[in-house]
Amino acid sequence: MKNILLPTDFSEASINALEYAVQLLKSNVCTFYVLNVYTPIYLYTPSIYEDFTTVNVDIGEQYKSQSEENIRKAIRNIKDKFPSKIHTFLGITSFNTLASEINTIVDDYDINCVIMGTKGATGLQEVFIGSETMHTLKHCKVPLLGVPQEYSFINLKEVLFATNYESGNQQEGLTFLNNLCFSHLSRLVFLNAYYGIALNDAKKRNKKELELFFERDAHVTELCKGMDVYEAIENYHLQHVIDLLVLVHTSHNFFENLLFTPVVKKIVHHAEVPFLILPPAKAI
């Protein structure tokens, strides 16, 4: 059984992600945890009511009550639209920040993946504010699947896994990805962009480990010489239809972050297809 966390603010983007999730995992026994966090503004700004505890408690209860009702409504709608005997839905309402609450729930409920909607960001918003998905991604300990607001579910025929082969089969989230590819009969494409020498001995070992790990899935390797990761992804996307893009959010060292994190940011902010970001590989 899979445990999937679905953060929602009840916006069009988050409801679309919820619908995408139940279709993506329609053949899997799942418990979906539908999460809404609320942070009333009055707790962060002084007001004439700050000394009146009863007023503060009442306002907090109103936020909580409204959140719980909206979750019940969202669950009713999704169960009516996509009835399933193997899907269970549980609602969670919390007064917290989203990233902090997600990490708590991931630990408490053994979450396999977080699936959330993304609206993207442009201009100054991207530079100075970022997106909710990006903030969540920085601290998420399990795979995070982002669904663009306008994207409608399509069966995963082609999955593109952009990898630098810095990690092998110890990478967190590979089992989840493997199950997705297997249940949708997807073709998995390993995309490696590089300058200079293609693969050193360590990367060759990791490449072999990944190929063995995904041996039950149809998979191929694309090597892109003289390109950075984002350029290679765009070039591949011009020639092929991609139904899911997979990246690893590396955090091994400062220099690697300088090279790779901007790629993740671009994908999160400007993605046209769903993307699965795997958390940093655990040290072994």
Protein backbone atom coordinates (compact mmCIF):
# COMPACT_ATOMS: atom_id res chain seq x y z
CA MET A 1 0.00 0.00 0.00
CA LYS A 2 1.18 3.52 -0.79
CA ASN A 3 0.76 6.55 1.45
CA ILE A 4 0.46 9.74 -0.57
CA LEU A 5 0.36 13.27 0.83
CA LEU A 6 -1.72 15.83 -1.08
CA PRO A 7 -1.25 19.38 0.18
CA THR A 8 -4.06 21.68 -0.92
CA ASP A 9 -5.11 25.29 -0.55
CA PHE A 10 -8.29 24.45 -2.50
CA SER A 11 -7.07 26.43 -5.51
CA GLU A 12 -7.59 25.23 -9.06
CA ALA A 13 -3.97 24.10 -9.23
CA SER A 14 -4.12 22.01 -6.05
CA ILE A 15 -7.46 20.38 -6.93
CA ASN A 16 -6.08 19.52 -10.36
CA ALA A 17 -3.08 17.88 -8.67
CA LEU A 18 -5.41 15.86 -6.44
CA GLU A 19 -7.30 14.60 -9.50
CA TYR A 20 -4.01 13.82 -11.26
CA ALA A 21 -2.81 11.82 -8.25
CA VAL A 22 -5.82 9.51 -8.05
CA GLN A 23 -5.63 8.82 -11.79
CA LEU A 24 -1.87 8.26 -11.71
CA LEU A 25 -2.28 5.71 -8.91
CA LYS A 26 -5.61 4.24 -9.97
CA SER A 27 -4.27 0.68 -9.96
CA ASN A 28 -2.48 1.02 -6.61
CA VAL A 29 -3.87 0.50 -3.14
CA CYS A 30 -3.38 3.94 -1.61
CA THR A 31 -4.18 6.08 1.37
CA PHE A 32 -4.32 9.72 0.33
CA TYR A 33 -3.75 12.26 3.11
CA VAL A 34 -5.33 15.55 2.04
CA LEU A 35 -3.58 18.33 3.94
CA ASN A 36 -4.51 21.95 4.44
CA VAL A 37 -2.43 24.25 6.61
CA TYR A 38 -3.64 27.62 7.78
CA THR A 39 -1.71 30.53 9.26
CA PRO A 40 -4.08 33.33 10.32
CA ILE A 41 -2.56 36.75 9.68
CA TYR A 42 -3.56 38.04 13.11
CA LEU A 43 -0.89 35.87 14.72
CA TYR A 44 1.88 37.74 12.92
CA THR A 45 0.76 41.36 13.15
CA PRO A 46 -0.02 43.41 16.26
CA SER A 47 -3.65 44.44 16.53
CA ILE A 48 -6.07 45.95 19.01
CA TYR A 49 -7.23 42.40 19.73
CA GLU A 50 -3.85 40.92 20.68
CA ASP A 51 -4.63 41.03 24.41
CA PHE A 52 -8.03 39.38 24.04
CA THR A 53 -7.37 35.66 24.19
CA THR A 54 -11.00 34.66 23.61
CA VAL A 55 -11.16 36.62 20.37
CA ASN A 56 -7.92 35.02 19.15
CA VAL A 57 -9.12 31.51 19.98
CA ASP A 58 -12.44 32.12 18.22
CA ILE A 59 -10.71 33.33 15.06
CA GLY A 60 -8.36 30.34 15.15
CA GLU A 61 -11.29 27.95 15.53
CA GLN A 62 -13.03 29.58 12.58
CA TYR A 63 -9.97 29.00 10.38
CA LYS A 64 -9.77 25.38 11.55
CA SER A 65 -13.48 24.74 11.05
CA GLN A 66 -13.46 26.23 7.55
CA SER A 67 -10.36 24.20 6.64
CA GLU A 68 -11.93 20.95 7.81
CA GLU A 69 -15.15 21.64 5.89
CA ASN A 70 -13.23 22.45 2.70
CA ILE A 71 -11.24 19.22 3.02
CA ARG A 72 -14.42 17.17 3.45
CA LYS A 73 -15.88 18.83 0.37
CA ALA A 74 -12.73 18.21 -1.70
CA ILE A 75 -12.68 14.53 -0.68
CA ARG A 76 -16.38 14.09 -1.46
CA ASN A 77 -15.88 15.59 -4.91
CA ILE A 78 -12.87 13.46 -5.76
CA LYS A 79 -14.55 10.24 -4.56
CA ASP A 80 -17.65 11.04 -6.64
CA LYS A 81 -15.58 11.84 -9.73
CA PHE A 82 -13.13 8.93 -9.42
CA PRO A 83 -14.78 6.16 -7.38
CA SER A 84 -12.37 3.45 -6.28
CA LYS A 85 -12.48 0.56 -3.84
CA ILE A 86 -8.72 0.62 -3.31
CA HIS A 87 -8.34 4.32 -2.46
CA THR A 88 -8.80 5.71 1.05
CA PHE A 89 -8.88 9.43 1.87
CA LEU A 90 -8.07 11.06 5.18
CA GLY A 91 -8.12 14.78 5.86
CA ILE A 92 -5.56 16.68 7.94
CA THR A 93 -5.94 20.29 9.06
CA SER A 94 -3.01 22.00 10.73
CA PHE A 95 -1.96 25.39 12.01
CA ASN A 96 1.61 25.39 10.71
CA THR A 97 3.81 26.31 7.79
CA LEU A 98 3.47 23.97 4.83
CA ALA A 99 7.07 22.73 4.67
CA SER A 100 7.23 22.04 8.41
CA GLU A 101 3.89 20.20 8.48
CA ILE A 102 4.81 18.10 5.45
CA ASN A 103 7.99 16.87 7.13
CA THR A 104 6.05 15.98 10.27
CA ILE A 105 3.42 14.03 8.32
CA VAL A 106 6.05 12.30 6.19
CA ASP A 107 7.56 10.88 9.37
CA ASP A 108 4.31 10.13 11.19
CA TYR A 109 2.47 8.45 8.32
CA ASP A 110 5.33 6.85 6.37
CA ILE A 111 4.59 8.92 3.27
CA ASN A 112 5.93 7.60 -0.05
CA CYS A 113 5.40 10.72 -2.14
CA VAL A 114 4.08 14.27 -1.93
CA ILE A 115 1.97 15.37 -4.90
CA MET A 116 1.04 19.03 -5.25
CA GLY A 117 -0.02 21.56 -7.84
CA THR A 118 2.22 24.30 -9.11
CA LYS A 119 1.35 27.59 -10.79
CA GLY A 120 4.91 28.49 -11.67
CA ALA A 121 6.43 31.92 -11.22
CA THR A 122 7.78 34.70 -13.41
CA GLY A 123 10.02 37.73 -13.17
CA LEU A 124 10.60 39.20 -9.71
CA GLN A 125 8.26 36.64 -8.18
CA GLU A 126 10.61 33.87 -9.27
CA VAL A 127 13.74 35.66 -8.08
CA PHE A 128 12.61 36.99 -4.73
CA ILE A 129 9.58 34.97 -3.70
CA GLY A 130 9.71 31.63 -5.44
CA SER A 131 6.83 29.18 -5.46
CA GLU A 132 5.26 27.17 -2.64
CA THR A 133 6.45 24.05 -4.41
CA MET A 134 10.04 25.30 -4.40
CA HIS A 135 9.97 26.13 -0.70
CA THR A 136 8.54 22.71 0.08
CA LEU A 137 11.02 20.95 -2.18
CA LYS A 138 14.05 22.34 -0.37
CA HIS A 139 13.19 20.43 2.78
CA CYS A 140 11.17 17.47 1.52
CA LYS A 141 12.59 14.07 2.52
CA VAL A 142 10.57 12.01 0.03
CA PRO A 143 9.87 12.34 -3.70
CA LEU A 144 7.79 15.37 -4.64
CA LEU A 145 5.64 15.29 -7.75
CA GLY A 146 4.59 18.68 -9.10
CA VAL A 147 1.62 19.02 -11.45
CA PRO A 148 1.30 22.19 -13.57
CA GLN A 149 -2.05 23.89 -13.15
CA GLU A 150 -3.25 23.43 -16.72
CA TYR A 151 -2.05 19.84 -17.10
CA SER A 152 -4.60 17.06 -17.53
CA PHE A 153 -3.68 13.47 -16.72
CA ILE A 154 -2.16 11.41 -19.51
CA ASN A 155 -0.93 7.85 -19.08
CA LEU A 156 2.82 7.71 -18.55
CA LYS A 157 4.12 6.43 -21.86
CA GLU A 158 7.44 8.28 -21.76
CA VAL A 159 9.33 9.06 -18.54
CA LEU A 160 12.52 11.10 -18.83
CA PHE A 161 15.01 10.69 -15.97
CA ALA A 162 17.72 13.35 -16.17
CA THR A 163 20.65 11.99 -14.18
CA ASN A 164 24.31 12.78 -13.69
CA TYR A 165 24.85 9.23 -12.34
CA GLU A 166 26.22 10.59 -9.07
CA SER A 167 24.08 8.02 -7.25
CA GLY A 168 23.12 4.46 -8.06
CA ASN A 169 20.34 2.31 -6.68
CA GLN A 170 20.63 3.88 -3.19
CA GLN A 171 18.77 6.96 -4.43
CA GLU A 172 15.62 7.68 -2.41
CA GLY A 173 12.42 7.36 -4.44
CA LEU A 174 13.57 4.84 -7.02
CA THR A 175 11.09 2.21 -5.83
CA PHE A 176 8.21 4.66 -6.23
CA LEU A 177 9.40 5.56 -9.73
CA ASN A 178 9.89 1.90 -10.63
CA ASN A 179 6.33 1.09 -9.58
CA LEU A 180 4.97 3.98 -11.65
CA CYS A 181 6.83 2.82 -14.76
CA PHE A 182 5.73 -0.77 -14.24
CA SER A 183 2.04 -0.01 -13.62
CA HIS A 184 1.83 2.32 -16.65
CA LEU A 185 4.09 0.22 -18.93
CA SER A 186 6.22 3.32 -19.41
CA ARG A 187 9.41 3.66 -21.38
CA LEU A 188 12.10 5.09 -19.10
CA VAL A 189 14.77 7.23 -20.72
CA PHE A 190 17.96 8.00 -18.78
CA LEU A 191 19.27 11.37 -19.98
CA ASN A 192 22.85 12.29 -19.16
CA ALA A 193 24.29 15.65 -20.21
CA TYR A 194 28.02 16.18 -19.91
CA TYR A 195 31.07 18.11 -21.01
CA GLY A 196 34.39 16.39 -21.67
CA ILE A 197 34.53 12.75 -20.53
CA ALA A 198 31.15 11.02 -20.53
CA LEU A 199 31.35 8.73 -17.50
CA ASN A 200 34.12 7.92 -15.04
CA ASP A 201 34.37 4.51 -13.36
CA ALA A 202 32.13 5.45 -10.43
CA LYS A 203 29.41 6.80 -12.73
CA LYS A 204 29.63 3.70 -14.90
CA ARG A 205 28.98 1.56 -11.83
CA ASN A 206 25.99 3.74 -10.87
CA LYS A 207 24.67 3.55 -14.42
CA LYS A 208 24.81 -0.24 -14.32
CA GLU A 209 23.09 -0.30 -10.91
CA LEU A 210 20.23 1.84 -12.21
CA GLU A 211 19.81 -0.30 -15.31
CA LEU A 212 19.59 -3.42 -13.15
CA PHE A 213 17.17 -1.74 -10.76
CA PHE A 214 14.83 -0.87 -13.65
CA GLU A 215 15.43 -4.09 -15.60
CA ARG A 216 11.73 -5.02 -15.65
CA ASP A 217 10.94 -1.68 -17.37
CA ALA A 218 11.70 -0.76 -20.96
CA HIS A 219 14.58 1.69 -20.70
CA VAL A 220 17.19 3.38 -22.88
CA THR A 221 20.07 5.81 -22.32
CA GLU A 222 20.58 9.14 -24.08
CA LEU A 223 24.02 10.78 -23.75
CA CYS A 224 24.13 14.49 -24.60
CA LYS A 225 27.67 15.78 -25.07
CA GLY A 226 28.43 19.49 -24.76
CA MET A 227 25.12 20.43 -23.12
CA ASP A 228 24.00 21.40 -19.66
CA VAL A 229 21.09 19.55 -18.08
CA TYR A 230 18.36 22.06 -18.85
CA GLU A 231 19.49 22.42 -22.48
CA ALA A 232 19.52 18.64 -22.89
CA ILE A 233 16.01 18.34 -21.46
CA GLU A 234 14.66 21.06 -23.75
CA ASN A 235 16.37 19.52 -26.77
CA TYR A 236 14.90 16.09 -25.98
CA HIS A 237 11.46 17.58 -25.36
CA LEU A 238 11.47 19.21 -28.80
CA GLN A 239 11.74 15.78 -30.41
CA HIS A 240 9.71 13.61 -28.02
CA VAL A 241 6.56 13.76 -25.95
CA ILE A 242 7.40 13.58 -22.25
CA ASP A 243 4.72 12.53 -19.76
CA LEU A 244 6.88 12.80 -16.63
CA LEU A 245 10.24 14.42 -15.99
CA VAL A 246 12.42 13.07 -13.17
CA LEU A 247 15.28 14.95 -11.50
CA VAL A 248 17.41 14.46 -8.39
CA HIS A 249 17.64 17.42 -6.04
CA THR A 250 21.32 17.14 -5.14
CA SER A 251 22.81 18.72 -2.02
CA HIS A 252 26.20 17.05 -1.78
CA ASN A 253 28.26 20.20 -1.83
CA PHE A 254 28.23 23.90 -2.55
CA PHE A 255 29.56 23.69 -6.09
CA GLU A 256 27.11 20.98 -7.14
CA ASN A 257 24.25 23.11 -5.84
CA LEU A 258 25.44 26.04 -7.92
CA LEU A 259 25.25 23.85 -11.04
CA PHE A 260 22.15 21.77 -10.40
CA THR A 261 19.74 23.71 -8.19
CA PRO A 262 19.09 26.38 -10.87
CA VAL A 263 17.96 23.55 -13.16
CA VAL A 264 15.47 22.37 -10.53
CA LYS A 265 14.22 25.94 -10.09
CA LYS A 266 13.66 26.34 -13.82
CA ILE A 267 11.72 23.09 -13.98
CA VAL A 268 9.55 23.96 -10.97
CA HIS A 269 8.76 27.47 -12.19
CA HIS A 270 8.30 26.78 -15.90
CA ALA A 271 7.34 23.12 -16.26
CA GLU A 272 4.75 22.21 -18.88
CA VAL A 273 4.59 18.56 -17.80
CA PRO A 274 4.54 16.91 -14.36
CA PHE A 275 7.93 16.58 -12.70
CA LEU A 276 9.13 14.19 -10.01
CA ILE A 277 11.95 15.55 -7.85
CA LEU A 278 13.82 12.89 -5.90
CA PRO A 279 15.44 13.98 -2.61
CA PRO A 280 19.22 14.03 -2.21
CA ALA A 281 20.81 10.60 -2.18
CA LYS A 282 21.66 9.32 1.29
CA ALA A 283 25.30 8.93 2.13
CA ILE A 284 26.43 5.28 2.28
